[in-house]
């Protein structure tokens, strides 16, 4: 969990999905490019992808 206001949307979505029994994948990457790659890969098979970048 985080107290950073810029991550509220991600924290709230993660909390809601995990409480509903859904899988949650959290990616913390070293660069914007790798974050975008993870976003692209996850978007292909996920119902939703949320980001704080």
PDB file of N, CA and C in Angstrom:
ATOM      1  N   UNK A   1       0.836  -1.184   0.000  1.00  0.00           N
ATOM      2  CA  UNK A   1       0.000   0.000   0.000  1.00  0.00           C
ATOM      3  C   UNK A   1       0.875   1.239   0.000  1.00  0.00           C
ATOM      4  N   UNK A   2       0.308   2.320  -0.441  1.00  0.00           N
ATOM      5  CA  UNK A   2       1.081   3.550  -0.558  1.00  0.00           C
ATOM      6  C   UNK A   2       0.268   4.725  -0.044  1.00  0.00           C
ATOM      7  N   UNK A   3       0.963   5.712   0.444  1.00  0.00           N
ATOM      8  CA  UNK A   3       0.306   6.934   0.892  1.00  0.00           C
ATOM      9  C   UNK A   3       0.494   8.063  -0.105  1.00  0.00           C
ATOM     10  N   UNK A   4       1.053   7.765  -1.259  1.00  0.00           N
ATOM     11  CA  UNK A   4       1.279   8.798  -2.261  1.00  0.00           C
ATOM     12  C   UNK A   4      -0.019   9.089  -3.009  1.00  0.00           C
ATOM     13  N   UNK A   5      -0.473  10.335  -3.024  1.00  0.00           N
ATOM     14  CA  UNK A   5      -1.735  10.677  -3.694  1.00  0.00           C
ATOM     15  C   UNK A   5      -1.746  10.344  -5.180  1.00  0.00           C
ATOM     16  N   UNK A   6      -0.594  10.364  -5.837  1.00  0.00           N
ATOM     17  CA  UNK A   6      -0.566  10.063  -7.266  1.00  0.00           C
ATOM     18  C   UNK A   6      -0.788   8.577  -7.538  1.00  0.00           C
ATOM     19  N   UNK A   7      -0.797   7.760  -6.489  1.00  0.00           N
ATOM     20  CA  UNK A   7      -1.014   6.329  -6.666  1.00  0.00           C
ATOM     21  C   UNK A   7      -2.355   5.863  -6.107  1.00  0.00           C
ATOM     22  N   UNK A   8      -3.206   6.783  -5.693  1.00  0.00           N
ATOM     23  CA  UNK A   8      -4.503   6.414  -5.126  1.00  0.00           C
ATOM     24  C   UNK A   8      -5.324   5.543  -6.061  1.00  0.00           C
ATOM     25  N   UNK A   9      -5.371   5.865  -7.330  1.00  0.00           N
ATOM     26  CA  UNK A   9      -6.179   5.090  -8.283  1.00  0.00           C
ATOM     27  C   UNK A   9      -5.695   3.648  -8.354  1.00  0.00           C
ATOM     28  N   UNK A  10      -4.392   3.461  -8.368  1.00  0.00           N
ATOM     29  CA  UNK A  10      -3.827   2.110  -8.430  1.00  0.00           C
ATOM     30  C   UNK A  10      -4.117   1.356  -7.136  1.00  0.00           C
ATOM     31  N   UNK A  11      -3.914   1.999  -6.004  1.00  0.00           N
ATOM     32  CA  UNK A  11      -4.151   1.358  -4.709  1.00  0.00           C
ATOM     33  C   UNK A  11      -5.620   0.972  -4.579  1.00  0.00           C
ATOM     34  N   UNK A  12      -6.513   1.867  -4.929  1.00  0.00           N
ATOM     35  CA  UNK A  12      -7.948   1.590  -4.819  1.00  0.00           C
ATOM     36  C   UNK A  12      -8.370   0.453  -5.750  1.00  0.00           C
ATOM     37  N   UNK A  13      -7.890   0.463  -6.984  1.00  0.00           N
ATOM     38  CA  UNK A  13      -8.229  -0.599  -7.935  1.00  0.00           C
ATOM     39  C   UNK A  13      -7.683  -1.937  -7.457  1.00  0.00           C
ATOM     40  N   UNK A  14      -6.454  -1.937  -6.963  1.00  0.00           N
ATOM     41  CA  UNK A  14      -5.833  -3.160  -6.450  1.00  0.00           C
ATOM     42  C   UNK A  14      -6.623  -3.714  -5.276  1.00  0.00           C
ATOM     43  N   UNK A  15      -6.983  -2.855  -4.354  1.00  0.00           N
ATOM     44  CA  UNK A  15      -7.758  -3.277  -3.181  1.00  0.00           C
ATOM     45  C   UNK A  15      -9.100  -3.863  -3.603  1.00  0.00           C
ATOM     46  N   UNK A  16      -9.808  -3.165  -4.475  1.00  0.00           N
ATOM     47  CA  UNK A  16     -11.128  -3.631  -4.913  1.00  0.00           C
ATOM     48  C   UNK A  16     -11.026  -4.980  -5.620  1.00  0.00           C
ATOM     49  N   UNK A  17     -10.078  -5.101  -6.538  1.00  0.00           N
ATOM     50  CA  UNK A  17      -9.948  -6.347  -7.293  1.00  0.00           C
ATOM     51  C   UNK A  17      -9.541  -7.521  -6.408  1.00  0.00           C
ATOM     52  N   UNK A  18      -8.617  -7.304  -5.493  1.00  0.00           N
ATOM     53  CA  UNK A  18      -8.190  -8.409  -4.634  1.00  0.00           C
ATOM     54  C   UNK A  18      -9.313  -8.828  -3.681  1.00  0.00           C
ATOM     55  N   UNK A  19     -10.121  -7.888  -3.226  1.00  0.00           N
ATOM     56  CA  UNK A  19     -11.248  -8.226  -2.357  1.00  0.00           C
ATOM     57  C   UNK A  19     -12.316  -9.015  -3.115  1.00  0.00           C
ATOM     58  N   UNK A  20     -12.383  -8.827  -4.433  1.00  0.00           N
ATOM     59  CA  UNK A  20     -13.334  -9.562  -5.267  1.00  0.00           C
ATOM     60  C   UNK A  20     -12.774 -10.916  -5.710  1.00  0.00           C
ATOM     61  N   UNK A  21     -11.559 -11.236  -5.274  1.00  0.00           N
ATOM     62  CA  UNK A  21     -10.963 -12.514  -5.616  1.00  0.00           C
ATOM     63  C   UNK A  21     -10.236 -12.540  -6.946  1.00  0.00           C
ATOM     64  N   UNK A  22     -10.003 -11.380  -7.527  1.00  0.00           N
ATOM     65  CA  UNK A  22      -9.292 -11.301  -8.801  1.00  0.00           C
ATOM     66  C   UNK A  22      -7.787 -11.286  -8.573  1.00  0.00           C
ATOM     67  N   UNK A  23      -7.057 -11.733  -9.571  1.00  0.00           N
ATOM     68  CA  UNK A  23      -5.601 -11.674  -9.528  1.00  0.00           C
ATOM     69  C   UNK A  23      -5.153 -10.231  -9.721  1.00  0.00           C
ATOM     70  N   UNK A  24      -4.082  -9.862  -9.033  1.00  0.00           N
ATOM     71  CA  UNK A  24      -3.501  -8.534  -9.164  1.00  0.00           C
ATOM     72  C   UNK A  24      -2.003  -8.708  -9.417  1.00  0.00           C
ATOM     73  N   UNK A  25      -1.500  -8.053 -10.455  1.00  0.00           N
ATOM     74  CA  UNK A  25      -0.079  -8.076 -10.771  1.00  0.00           C
ATOM     75  C   UNK A  25       0.449  -6.658 -10.597  1.00  0.00           C
ATOM     76  N   UNK A  26       1.480  -6.504  -9.777  1.00  0.00           N
ATOM     77  CA  UNK A  26       2.083  -5.195  -9.548  1.00  0.00           C
ATOM     78  C   UNK A  26       3.464  -5.207 -10.178  1.00  0.00           C
ATOM     79  N   UNK A  27       3.722  -4.217 -11.035  1.00  0.00           N
ATOM     80  CA  UNK A  27       5.011  -4.107 -11.720  1.00  0.00           C
ATOM     81  C   UNK A  27       5.686  -2.820 -11.264  1.00  0.00           C
ATOM     82  N   UNK A  28       6.916  -2.947 -10.814  1.00  0.00           N
ATOM     83  CA  UNK A  28       7.724  -1.795 -10.444  1.00  0.00           C
ATOM     84  C   UNK A  28       8.990  -1.883 -11.283  1.00  0.00           C
ATOM     85  N   UNK A  29       9.031  -1.141 -12.366  1.00  0.00           N
ATOM     86  CA  UNK A  29      10.144  -1.276 -13.306  1.00  0.00           C
ATOM     87  C   UNK A  29      11.125  -0.107 -13.195  1.00  0.00           C
ATOM     88  N   UNK A  30      12.338  -0.303 -13.704  1.00  0.00           N
ATOM     89  CA  UNK A  30      13.376   0.728 -13.584  1.00  0.00           C
ATOM     90  C   UNK A  30      13.272   1.863 -14.603  1.00  0.00           C
ATOM     91  N   UNK A  31      12.385   1.721 -15.595  1.00  0.00           N
ATOM     92  CA  UNK A  31      12.314   2.762 -16.622  1.00  0.00           C
ATOM     93  C   UNK A  31      10.900   2.861 -17.197  1.00  0.00           C
ATOM     94  N   UNK A  32      10.614   3.989 -17.803  1.00  0.00           N
ATOM     95  CA  UNK A  32       9.321   4.191 -18.452  1.00  0.00           C
ATOM     96  C   UNK A  32       9.128   3.193 -19.596  1.00  0.00           C
ATOM     97  N   UNK A  33      10.192   2.891 -20.317  1.00  0.00           N
ATOM     98  CA  UNK A  33      10.106   1.969 -21.445  1.00  0.00           C
ATOM     99  C   UNK A  33       9.700   0.572 -20.977  1.00  0.00           C
ATOM    100  N   UNK A  34      10.283   0.104 -19.888  1.00  0.00           N
ATOM    101  CA  UNK A  34       9.932  -1.218 -19.368  1.00  0.00           C
ATOM    102  C   UNK A  34       8.527  -1.220 -18.766  1.00  0.00           C
ATOM    103  N   UNK A  35       8.125  -0.106 -18.185  1.00  0.00           N
ATOM    104  CA  UNK A  35       6.759   0.012 -17.685  1.00  0.00           C
ATOM    105  C   UNK A  35       5.781  -0.080 -18.846  1.00  0.00           C
ATOM    106  N   UNK A  36       6.073   0.591 -19.941  1.00  0.00           N
ATOM    107  CA  UNK A  36       5.210   0.545 -21.114  1.00  0.00           C
ATOM    108  C   UNK A  36       5.146  -0.865 -21.695  1.00  0.00           C
ATOM    109  N   UNK A  37       6.272  -1.568 -21.704  1.00  0.00           N
ATOM    110  CA  UNK A  37       6.296  -2.940 -22.201  1.00  0.00           C
ATOM    111  C   UNK A  37       5.403  -3.828 -21.336  1.00  0.00           C
ATOM    112  N   UNK A  38       5.507  -3.705 -20.032  1.00  0.00           N
ATOM    113  CA  UNK A  38       4.652  -4.484 -19.132  1.00  0.00           C
ATOM    114  C   UNK A  38       3.184  -4.137 -19.357  1.00  0.00           C
ATOM    115  N   UNK A  39       2.894  -2.867 -19.514  1.00  0.00           N
ATOM    116  CA  UNK A  39       1.519  -2.415 -19.771  1.00  0.00           C
ATOM    117  C   UNK A  39       0.981  -3.040 -21.055  1.00  0.00           C
ATOM    118  N   UNK A  40       1.789  -3.024 -22.108  1.00  0.00           N
ATOM    119  CA  UNK A  40       1.373  -3.589 -23.400  1.00  0.00           C
ATOM    120  C   UNK A  40       1.114  -5.086 -23.302  1.00  0.00           C
ATOM    121  N   UNK A  41       2.017  -5.804 -22.627  1.00  0.00           N
ATOM    122  CA  UNK A  41       1.866  -7.254 -22.484  1.00  0.00           C
ATOM    123  C   UNK A  41       0.625  -7.586 -21.661  1.00  0.00           C
ATOM    124  N   UNK A  42       0.453  -6.912 -20.531  1.00  0.00           N
ATOM    125  CA  UNK A  42      -0.688  -7.194 -19.668  1.00  0.00           C
ATOM    126  C   UNK A  42      -2.014  -6.798 -20.313  1.00  0.00           C
ATOM    127  N   UNK A  43      -2.010  -5.759 -21.132  1.00  0.00           N
ATOM    128  CA  UNK A  43      -3.233  -5.298 -21.782  1.00  0.00           C
ATOM    129  C   UNK A  43      -3.807  -6.325 -22.749  1.00  0.00           C
ATOM    130  N   UNK A  44      -2.950  -7.194 -23.267  1.00  0.00           N
ATOM    131  CA  UNK A  44      -3.406  -8.203 -24.227  1.00  0.00           C
ATOM    132  C   UNK A  44      -4.323  -9.242 -23.598  1.00  0.00           C
ATOM    133  N   UNK A  45      -4.161  -9.520 -22.310  1.00  0.00           N
ATOM    134  CA  UNK A  45      -4.910 -10.604 -21.682  1.00  0.00           C
ATOM    135  C   UNK A  45      -5.679 -10.187 -20.432  1.00  0.00           C
ATOM    136  N   UNK A  46      -5.607  -8.942 -20.032  1.00  0.00           N
ATOM    137  CA  UNK A  46      -6.220  -8.491 -18.794  1.00  0.00           C
ATOM    138  C   UNK A  46      -7.544  -7.798 -19.040  1.00  0.00           C
ATOM    139  N   UNK A  47      -8.434  -7.882 -18.055  1.00  0.00           N
ATOM    140  CA  UNK A  47      -9.681  -7.126 -18.116  1.00  0.00           C
ATOM    141  C   UNK A  47      -9.409  -5.644 -17.957  1.00  0.00           C
ATOM    142  N   UNK A  48      -8.431  -5.298 -17.104  1.00  0.00           N
ATOM    143  CA  UNK A  48      -8.073  -3.902 -16.910  1.00  0.00           C
ATOM    144  C   UNK A  48      -6.616  -3.794 -16.498  1.00  0.00           C
ATOM    145  N   UNK A  49      -6.011  -2.676 -16.853  1.00  0.00           N
ATOM    146  CA  UNK A  49      -4.643  -2.364 -16.450  1.00  0.00           C
ATOM    147  C   UNK A  49      -4.666  -0.930 -15.939  1.00  0.00           C
ATOM    148  N   UNK A  50      -4.135  -0.734 -14.743  1.00  0.00           N
ATOM    149  CA  UNK A  50      -4.105   0.588 -14.128  1.00  0.00           C
ATOM    150  C   UNK A  50      -2.665   0.988 -13.898  1.00  0.00           C
ATOM    151  N   UNK A  51      -2.355   2.256 -14.105  1.00  0.00           N
ATOM    152  CA  UNK A  51      -0.985   2.707 -13.963  1.00  0.00           C
ATOM    153  C   UNK A  51      -0.938   4.028 -13.217  1.00  0.00           C
ATOM    154  N   UNK A  52       0.198   4.271 -12.569  1.00  0.00           N
ATOM    155  CA  UNK A  52       0.373   5.547 -11.868  1.00  0.00           C
ATOM    156  C   UNK A  52       1.458   6.400 -12.482  1.00  0.00           C
ATOM    157  N   UNK A  53       1.981   6.011 -13.657  1.00  0.00           N
ATOM    158  CA  UNK A  53       3.057   6.813 -14.235  1.00  0.00           C
ATOM    159  C   UNK A  53       2.564   7.981 -14.990  1.00  0.00           C
TER     160      UNK A  53
END
